[in-house]
Amino acid sequence: MKPDIHPNYRQVVFQDLSSDFAFLTRSTIASKESIKWEDGNEYPLIKVDISSHSHPFYTGKQKVVDAGGRVDKFRRRYAQK
């Protein structure tokens, strides 16, 4: 294999903003934020809107997640017509 073409994997914390669930895994994603994890170490933090902890396919429950008022904006725009 060619040297220096593969990304560097490191420990990263992904945090689900809709359910306040977080998990530690390896990733190549860069982040400017960091968080102190349960083991006392500090890791880069990646915030996501939906994860397996809040997605209806995995939970079996329908849950409306409104990121930034998009649903309300859509309803206001098409309610007049």
PDB file of N, CA and C in Angstrom:
ATOM      1  N   MET A   1       0.836  -1.187   0.000  1.00  0.00           N
ATOM      2  CA  MET A   1       0.000   0.000   0.000  1.00  0.00           C
ATOM      3  C   MET A   1       0.877   1.245   0.000  1.00  0.00           C
ATOM      4  N   LYS A   2       0.309   2.324  -0.510  1.00  0.00           N
ATOM      5  CA  LYS A   2       1.053   3.582  -0.536  1.00  0.00           C
ATOM      6  C   LYS A   2       1.086   4.193   0.869  1.00  0.00           C
ATOM      7  N   PRO A   3       2.221   4.733   1.268  1.00  0.00           N
ATOM      8  CA  PRO A   3       2.293   5.370   2.597  1.00  0.00           C
ATOM      9  C   PRO A   3       1.643   6.747   2.578  1.00  0.00           C
ATOM     10  N   ASP A   4       1.148   7.183   3.722  1.00  0.00           N
ATOM     11  CA  ASP A   4       0.606   8.519   3.969  1.00  0.00           C
ATOM     12  C   ASP A   4      -0.636   8.872   3.144  1.00  0.00           C
ATOM     13  N   ILE A   5      -1.424   7.884   2.733  1.00  0.00           N
ATOM     14  CA  ILE A   5      -2.665   8.208   2.027  1.00  0.00           C
ATOM     15  C   ILE A   5      -3.898   7.860   2.860  1.00  0.00           C
ATOM     16  N   HIS A   6      -3.704   7.164   3.958  1.00  0.00           N
ATOM     17  CA  HIS A   6      -4.822   6.758   4.793  1.00  0.00           C
ATOM     18  C   HIS A   6      -5.047   7.773   5.920  1.00  0.00           C
ATOM     19  N   PRO A   7      -6.304   8.047   6.254  1.00  0.00           N
ATOM     20  CA  PRO A   7      -6.583   9.017   7.323  1.00  0.00           C
ATOM     21  C   PRO A   7      -6.201   8.460   8.696  1.00  0.00           C
ATOM     22  N   ASN A   8      -5.961   9.360   9.612  1.00  0.00           N
ATOM     23  CA  ASN A   8      -5.637   8.966  10.983  1.00  0.00           C
ATOM     24  C   ASN A   8      -6.922   8.860  11.794  1.00  0.00           C
ATOM     25  N   TYR A   9      -7.152   7.691  12.360  1.00  0.00           N
ATOM     26  CA  TYR A   9      -8.309   7.481  13.227  1.00  0.00           C
ATOM     27  C   TYR A   9      -7.937   7.847  14.649  1.00  0.00           C
ATOM     28  N   ARG A  10      -8.882   8.468  15.352  1.00  0.00           N
ATOM     29  CA  ARG A  10      -8.667   8.802  16.769  1.00  0.00           C
ATOM     30  C   ARG A  10      -9.994   8.678  17.496  1.00  0.00           C
ATOM     31  N   GLN A  11      -9.926   8.655  18.806  1.00  0.00           N
ATOM     32  CA  GLN A  11     -11.128   8.552  19.635  1.00  0.00           C
ATOM     33  C   GLN A  11     -11.911   9.864  19.568  1.00  0.00           C
ATOM     34  N   VAL A  12     -13.230   9.774  19.344  1.00  0.00           N
ATOM     35  CA  VAL A  12     -14.109  10.933  19.218  1.00  0.00           C
ATOM     36  C   VAL A  12     -15.412  10.627  19.945  1.00  0.00           C
ATOM     37  N   VAL A  13     -16.015  11.630  20.569  1.00  0.00           N
ATOM     38  CA  VAL A  13     -17.314  11.480  21.222  1.00  0.00           C
ATOM     39  C   VAL A  13     -18.379  12.083  20.311  1.00  0.00           C
ATOM     40  N   PHE A  14     -19.399  11.286  19.982  1.00  0.00           N
ATOM     41  CA  PHE A  14     -20.558  11.760  19.241  1.00  0.00           C
ATOM     42  C   PHE A  14     -21.680  11.992  20.244  1.00  0.00           C
ATOM     43  N   GLN A  15     -22.310  13.175  20.182  1.00  0.00           N
ATOM     44  CA  GLN A  15     -23.392  13.514  21.107  1.00  0.00           C
ATOM     45  C   GLN A  15     -24.662  13.770  20.315  1.00  0.00           C
ATOM     46  N   ASP A  16     -25.725  13.034  20.650  1.00  0.00           N
ATOM     47  CA  ASP A  16     -27.036  13.198  20.032  1.00  0.00           C
ATOM     48  C   ASP A  16     -27.731  14.357  20.727  1.00  0.00           C
ATOM     49  N   LEU A  17     -28.000  15.435  20.003  1.00  0.00           N
ATOM     50  CA  LEU A  17     -28.591  16.629  20.604  1.00  0.00           C
ATOM     51  C   LEU A  17     -30.061  16.452  20.953  1.00  0.00           C
ATOM     52  N   SER A  18     -30.773  15.562  20.264  1.00  0.00           N
ATOM     53  CA  SER A  18     -32.194  15.404  20.536  1.00  0.00           C
ATOM     54  C   SER A  18     -32.475  14.529  21.753  1.00  0.00           C
ATOM     55  N   SER A  19     -31.552  13.651  22.126  1.00  0.00           N
ATOM     56  CA  SER A  19     -31.802  12.782  23.283  1.00  0.00           C
ATOM     57  C   SER A  19     -30.715  12.878  24.345  1.00  0.00           C
ATOM     58  N   ASP A  20     -29.730  13.738  24.151  1.00  0.00           N
ATOM     59  CA  ASP A  20     -28.641  13.932  25.109  1.00  0.00           C
ATOM     60  C   ASP A  20     -27.884  12.627  25.387  1.00  0.00           C
ATOM     61  N   PHE A  21     -27.738  11.809  24.359  1.00  0.00           N
ATOM     62  CA  PHE A  21     -27.023  10.542  24.430  1.00  0.00           C
ATOM     63  C   PHE A  21     -25.657  10.741  23.784  1.00  0.00           C
ATOM     64  N   ALA A  22     -24.614  10.173  24.356  1.00  0.00           N
ATOM     65  CA  ALA A  22     -23.263  10.318  23.811  1.00  0.00           C
ATOM     66  C   ALA A  22     -22.560   8.964  23.812  1.00  0.00           C
ATOM     67  N   PHE A  23     -21.703   8.766  22.811  1.00  0.00           N
ATOM     68  CA  PHE A  23     -20.923   7.536  22.762  1.00  0.00           C
ATOM     69  C   PHE A  23     -19.537   7.828  22.202  1.00  0.00           C
ATOM     70  N   LEU A  24     -18.588   7.023  22.638  1.00  0.00           N
ATOM     71  CA  LEU A  24     -17.187   7.169  22.253  1.00  0.00           C
ATOM     72  C   LEU A  24     -16.858   6.136  21.184  1.00  0.00           C
ATOM     73  N   THR A  25     -16.260   6.589  20.085  1.00  0.00           N
ATOM     74  CA  THR A  25     -15.870   5.692  19.005  1.00  0.00           C
ATOM     75  C   THR A  25     -14.679   6.292  18.272  1.00  0.00           C
ATOM     76  N   ARG A  26     -14.199   5.587  17.257  1.00  0.00           N
ATOM     77  CA  ARG A  26     -13.080   6.094  16.470  1.00  0.00           C
ATOM     78  C   ARG A  26     -13.604   6.736  15.200  1.00  0.00           C
ATOM     79  N   SER A  27     -12.974   7.843  14.793  1.00  0.00           N
ATOM     80  CA  SER A  27     -13.390   8.549  13.586  1.00  0.00           C
ATOM     81  C   SER A  27     -12.247   9.411  13.066  1.00  0.00           C
ATOM     82  N   THR A  28     -12.397   9.893  11.840  1.00  0.00           N
ATOM     83  CA  THR A  28     -11.421  10.798  11.238  1.00  0.00           C
ATOM     84  C   THR A  28     -11.919  12.230  11.239  1.00  0.00           C
ATOM     85  N   ILE A  29     -13.129  12.468  11.719  1.00  0.00           N
ATOM     86  CA  ILE A  29     -13.727  13.805  11.716  1.00  0.00           C
ATOM     87  C   ILE A  29     -12.974  14.717  12.680  1.00  0.00           C
ATOM     88  N   ALA A  30     -12.731  15.949  12.237  1.00  0.00           N
ATOM     89  CA  ALA A  30     -12.063  16.940  13.084  1.00  0.00           C
ATOM     90  C   ALA A  30     -13.116  17.814  13.760  1.00  0.00           C
ATOM     91  N   SER A  31     -12.802  18.284  14.947  1.00  0.00           N
ATOM     92  CA  SER A  31     -13.722  19.136  15.690  1.00  0.00           C
ATOM     93  C   SER A  31     -12.935  20.147  16.518  1.00  0.00           C
ATOM     94  N   LYS A  32     -13.525  21.329  16.671  1.00  0.00           N
ATOM     95  CA  LYS A  32     -12.898  22.358  17.501  1.00  0.00           C
ATOM     96  C   LYS A  32     -13.357  22.256  18.953  1.00  0.00           C
ATOM     97  N   GLU A  33     -14.468  21.557  19.193  1.00  0.00           N
ATOM     98  CA  GLU A  33     -14.992  21.390  20.546  1.00  0.00           C
ATOM     99  C   GLU A  33     -14.436  20.109  21.158  1.00  0.00           C
ATOM    100  N   SER A  34     -14.409  20.075  22.477  1.00  0.00           N
ATOM    101  CA  SER A  34     -13.973  18.870  23.174  1.00  0.00           C
ATOM    102  C   SER A  34     -14.838  18.670  24.411  1.00  0.00           C
ATOM    103  N   ILE A  35     -14.804  17.455  24.942  1.00  0.00           N
ATOM    104  CA  ILE A  35     -15.604  17.109  26.109  1.00  0.00           C
ATOM    105  C   ILE A  35     -14.801  16.151  26.984  1.00  0.00           C
ATOM    106  N   LYS A  36     -15.012  16.255  28.281  1.00  0.00           N
ATOM    107  CA  LYS A  36     -14.363  15.338  29.219  1.00  0.00           C
ATOM    108  C   LYS A  36     -15.251  14.104  29.339  1.00  0.00           C
ATOM    109  N   TRP A  37     -14.688  12.949  29.040  1.00  0.00           N
ATOM    110  CA  TRP A  37     -15.444  11.711  29.016  1.00  0.00           C
ATOM    111  C   TRP A  37     -15.405  11.038  30.382  1.00  0.00           C
ATOM    112  N   GLU A  38     -16.156   9.956  30.526  1.00  0.00           N
ATOM    113  CA  GLU A  38     -16.292   9.236  31.799  1.00  0.00           C
ATOM    114  C   GLU A  38     -14.971   8.698  32.327  1.00  0.00           C
ATOM    115  N   ASP A  39     -14.008   8.437  31.454  1.00  0.00           N
ATOM    116  CA  ASP A  39     -12.722   7.895  31.898  1.00  0.00           C
ATOM    117  C   ASP A  39     -11.740   8.981  32.338  1.00  0.00           C
ATOM    118  N   GLY A  40     -12.180  10.253  32.300  1.00  0.00           N
ATOM    119  CA  GLY A  40     -11.346  11.352  32.738  1.00  0.00           C
ATOM    120  C   GLY A  40     -10.532  12.008  31.635  1.00  0.00           C
ATOM    121  N   ASN A  41     -10.504  11.418  30.456  1.00  0.00           N
ATOM    122  CA  ASN A  41      -9.769  11.990  29.321  1.00  0.00           C
ATOM    123  C   ASN A  41     -10.645  12.961  28.547  1.00  0.00           C
ATOM    124  N   GLU A  42     -10.004  13.844  27.809  1.00  0.00           N
ATOM    125  CA  GLU A  42     -10.720  14.808  26.986  1.00  0.00           C
ATOM    126  C   GLU A  42     -10.637  14.370  25.522  1.00  0.00           C
ATOM    127  N   TYR A  43     -11.799  14.365  24.852  1.00  0.00           N
ATOM    128  CA  TYR A  43     -11.891  13.921  23.471  1.00  0.00           C
ATOM    129  C   TYR A  43     -12.594  14.988  22.625  1.00  0.00           C
ATOM    130  N   PRO A  44     -12.340  14.998  21.308  1.00  0.00           N
ATOM    131  CA  PRO A  44     -13.088  15.906  20.421  1.00  0.00           C
ATOM    132  C   PRO A  44     -14.573  15.547  20.446  1.00  0.00           C
ATOM    133  N   LEU A  45     -15.429  16.560  20.331  1.00  0.00           N
ATOM    134  CA  LEU A  45     -16.878  16.369  20.407  1.00  0.00           C
ATOM    135  C   LEU A  45     -17.506  16.675  19.056  1.00  0.00           C
ATOM    136  N   ILE A  46     -18.317  15.736  18.560  1.00  0.00           N
ATOM    137  CA  ILE A  46     -19.079  15.912  17.339  1.00  0.00           C
ATOM    138  C   ILE A  46     -20.557  15.853  17.715  1.00  0.00           C
ATOM    139  N   LYS A  47     -21.289  16.923  17.404  1.00  0.00           N
ATOM    140  CA  LYS A  47     -22.716  16.981  17.729  1.00  0.00           C
ATOM    141  C   LYS A  47     -23.533  16.569  16.513  1.00  0.00           C
ATOM    142  N   VAL A  48     -24.480  15.640  16.727  1.00  0.00           N
ATOM    143  CA  VAL A  48     -25.356  15.149  15.663  1.00  0.00           C
ATOM    144  C   VAL A  48     -26.803  15.345  16.072  1.00  0.00           C
ATOM    145  N   ASP A  49     -27.690  15.532  15.082  1.00  0.00           N
ATOM    146  CA  ASP A  49     -29.108  15.727  15.368  1.00  0.00           C
ATOM    147  C   ASP A  49     -29.815  14.415  15.690  1.00  0.00           C
ATOM    148  N   ILE A  50     -29.459  13.352  14.990  1.00  0.00           N
ATOM    149  CA  ILE A  50     -30.125  12.057  15.176  1.00  0.00           C
ATOM    150  C   ILE A  50     -29.073  10.955  15.203  1.00  0.00           C
ATOM    151  N   SER A  51     -29.228  10.040  16.145  1.00  0.00           N
ATOM    152  CA  SER A  51     -28.364   8.856  16.215  1.00  0.00           C
ATOM    153  C   SER A  51     -29.262   7.636  16.382  1.00  0.00           C
ATOM    154  N   SER A  52     -28.669   6.486  16.585  1.00  0.00           N
ATOM    155  CA  SER A  52     -29.460   5.272  16.783  1.00  0.00           C
ATOM    156  C   SER A  52     -30.286   5.333  18.068  1.00  0.00           C
ATOM    157  N   HIS A  53     -29.920   6.210  18.982  1.00  0.00           N
ATOM    158  CA  HIS A  53     -30.646   6.347  20.238  1.00  0.00           C
ATOM    159  C   HIS A  53     -31.954   7.116  20.065  1.00  0.00           C
ATOM    160  N   SER A  54     -32.066   7.942  19.015  1.00  0.00           N
ATOM    161  CA  SER A  54     -33.278   8.741  18.822  1.00  0.00           C
ATOM    162  C   SER A  54     -33.973   8.494  17.488  1.00  0.00           C
ATOM    163  N   HIS A  55     -33.395   7.706  16.589  1.00  0.00           N
ATOM    164  CA  HIS A  55     -34.001   7.465  15.279  1.00  0.00           C
ATOM    165  C   HIS A  55     -35.188   6.504  15.417  1.00  0.00           C
ATOM    166  N   PRO A  56     -36.317   6.832  14.771  1.00  0.00           N
ATOM    167  CA  PRO A  56     -37.518   5.990  14.896  1.00  0.00           C
ATOM    168  C   PRO A  56     -37.317   4.541  14.448  1.00  0.00           C
ATOM    169  N   PHE A  57     -36.447   4.290  13.503  1.00  0.00           N
ATOM    170  CA  PHE A  57     -36.221   2.921  13.054  1.00  0.00           C
ATOM    171  C   PHE A  57     -35.668   2.054  14.192  1.00  0.00           C
ATOM    172  N   TYR A  58     -34.777   2.602  15.000  1.00  0.00           N
ATOM    173  CA  TYR A  58     -34.160   1.841  16.085  1.00  0.00           C
ATOM    174  C   TYR A  58     -34.978   1.868  17.368  1.00  0.00           C
ATOM    175  N   THR A  59     -35.705   2.954  17.617  1.00  0.00           N
ATOM    176  CA  THR A  59     -36.455   3.075  18.864  1.00  0.00           C
ATOM    177  C   THR A  59     -37.860   2.509  18.765  1.00  0.00           C
ATOM    178  N   GLY A  60     -38.424   2.492  17.551  1.00  0.00           N
ATOM    179  CA  GLY A  60     -39.799   2.026  17.388  1.00  0.00           C
ATOM    180  C   GLY A  60     -40.822   3.084  17.727  1.00  0.00           C
ATOM    181  N   LYS A  61     -40.397   4.286  18.041  1.00  0.00           N
ATOM    182  CA  LYS A  61     -41.292   5.396  18.387  1.00  0.00           C
ATOM    183  C   LYS A  61     -41.099   6.525  17.393  1.00  0.00           C
ATOM    184  N   GLN A  62     -42.206   7.150  17.024  1.00  0.00           N
ATOM    185  CA  GLN A  62     -42.115   8.314  16.144  1.00  0.00           C
ATOM    186  C   GLN A  62     -41.861   9.536  17.015  1.00  0.00           C
ATOM    187  N   LYS A  63     -40.848  10.302  16.659  1.00  0.00           N
ATOM    188  CA  LYS A  63     -40.477  11.478  17.438  1.00  0.00           C
ATOM    189  C   LYS A  63     -40.162  12.600  16.464  1.00  0.00           C
ATOM    190  N   VAL A  64     -40.812  13.745  16.646  1.00  0.00           N
ATOM    191  CA  VAL A  64     -40.591  14.873  15.752  1.00  0.00           C
ATOM    192  C   VAL A  64     -39.410  15.676  16.269  1.00  0.00           C
ATOM    193  N   VAL A  65     -38.408  15.843  15.418  1.00  0.00           N
ATOM    194  CA  VAL A  65     -37.240  16.635  15.765  1.00  0.00           C
ATOM    195  C   VAL A  65     -37.251  17.852  14.848  1.00  0.00           C
ATOM    196  N   ASP A  66     -37.400  19.023  15.428  1.00  0.00           N
ATOM    197  CA  ASP A  66     -37.436  20.255  14.658  1.00  0.00           C
ATOM    198  C   ASP A  66     -36.116  20.978  14.848  1.00  0.00           C
ATOM    199  N   ALA A  67     -35.277  20.899  13.843  1.00  0.00           N
ATOM    200  CA  ALA A  67     -33.961  21.525  13.915  1.00  0.00           C
ATOM    201  C   ALA A  67     -34.042  22.932  13.351  1.00  0.00           C
ATOM    202  N   GLY A  68     -34.038  23.912  14.208  1.00  0.00           N
ATOM    203  CA  GLY A  68     -34.007  25.298  13.762  1.00  0.00           C
ATOM    204  C   GLY A  68     -35.333  25.855  13.281  1.00  0.00           C
ATOM    205  N   GLY A  69     -36.463  25.256  13.655  1.00  0.00           N
ATOM    206  CA  GLY A  69     -37.761  25.793  13.279  1.00  0.00           C
ATOM    207  C   GLY A  69     -38.140  25.554  11.833  1.00  0.00           C
ATOM    208  N   ARG A  70     -37.578  24.551  11.202  1.00  0.00           N
ATOM    209  CA  ARG A  70     -37.858  24.284   9.789  1.00  0.00           C
ATOM    210  C   ARG A  70     -39.307  23.894   9.560  1.00  0.00           C
ATOM    211  N   VAL A  71     -39.870  23.119  10.467  1.00  0.00           N
ATOM    212  CA  VAL A  71     -41.258  22.685  10.314  1.00  0.00           C
ATOM    213  C   VAL A  71     -42.196  23.881  10.411  1.00  0.00           C
ATOM    214  N   ASP A  72     -41.979  24.743  11.398  1.00  0.00           N
ATOM    215  CA  ASP A  72     -42.824  25.932  11.544  1.00  0.00           C
ATOM    216  C   ASP A  72     -42.693  26.859  10.347  1.00  0.00           C
ATOM    217  N   LYS A  73     -41.506  27.018   9.836  1.00  0.00           N
ATOM    218  CA  LYS A  73     -41.279  27.863   8.665  1.00  0.00           C
ATOM    219  C   LYS A  73     -42.026  27.303   7.453  1.00  0.00           C
ATOM    220  N   PHE A  74     -41.986  26.000   7.268  1.00  0.00           N
ATOM    221  CA  PHE A  74     -42.698  25.364   6.159  1.00  0.00           C
ATOM    222  C   PHE A  74     -44.207  25.553   6.307  1.00  0.00           C
ATOM    223  N   ARG A  75     -44.726  25.342   7.509  1.00  0.00           N
ATOM    224  CA  ARG A  75     -46.178  25.495   7.728  1.00  0.00           C
ATOM    225  C   ARG A  75     -46.634  26.928   7.496  1.00  0.00           C
ATOM    226  N   ARG A  76     -45.842  27.909   7.941  1.00  0.00           N
ATOM    227  CA  ARG A  76     -46.218  29.306   7.727  1.00  0.00           C
ATOM    228  C   ARG A  76     -46.212  29.666   6.244  1.00  0.00           C
ATOM    229  N   ARG A  77     -45.242  29.153   5.513  1.00  0.00           N
ATOM    230  CA  ARG A  77     -45.106  29.484   4.095  1.00  0.00           C
ATOM    231  C   ARG A  77     -46.276  28.937   3.288  1.00  0.00           C
ATOM    232  N   TYR A  78     -46.714  27.720   3.567  1.00  0.00           N
ATOM    233  CA  TYR A  78     -47.761  27.088   2.755  1.00  0.00           C
ATOM    234  C   TYR A  78     -49.147  27.155   3.383  1.00  0.00           C
ATOM    235  N   ALA A  79     -49.297  27.747   4.532  1.00  0.00           N
ATOM    236  CA  ALA A  79     -50.609  27.881   5.158  1.00  0.00           C
ATOM    237  C   ALA A  79     -51.458  28.915   4.457  1.00  0.00           C
ATOM    238  N   GLN A  80     -50.824  29.927   3.853  1.00  0.00           N
ATOM    239  CA  GLN A  80     -51.558  30.992   3.194  1.00  0.00           C
ATOM    240  C   GLN A  80     -52.150  30.555   1.865  1.00  0.00           C
ATOM    241  N   LYS A  81     -51.592  29.571   1.218  1.00  0.00           N
ATOM    242  CA  LYS A  81     -52.033  29.159  -0.121  1.00  0.00           C
ATOM    243  C   LYS A  81     -53.226  28.254  -0.102  1.00  0.00           C
TER     244      LYS A  81
END
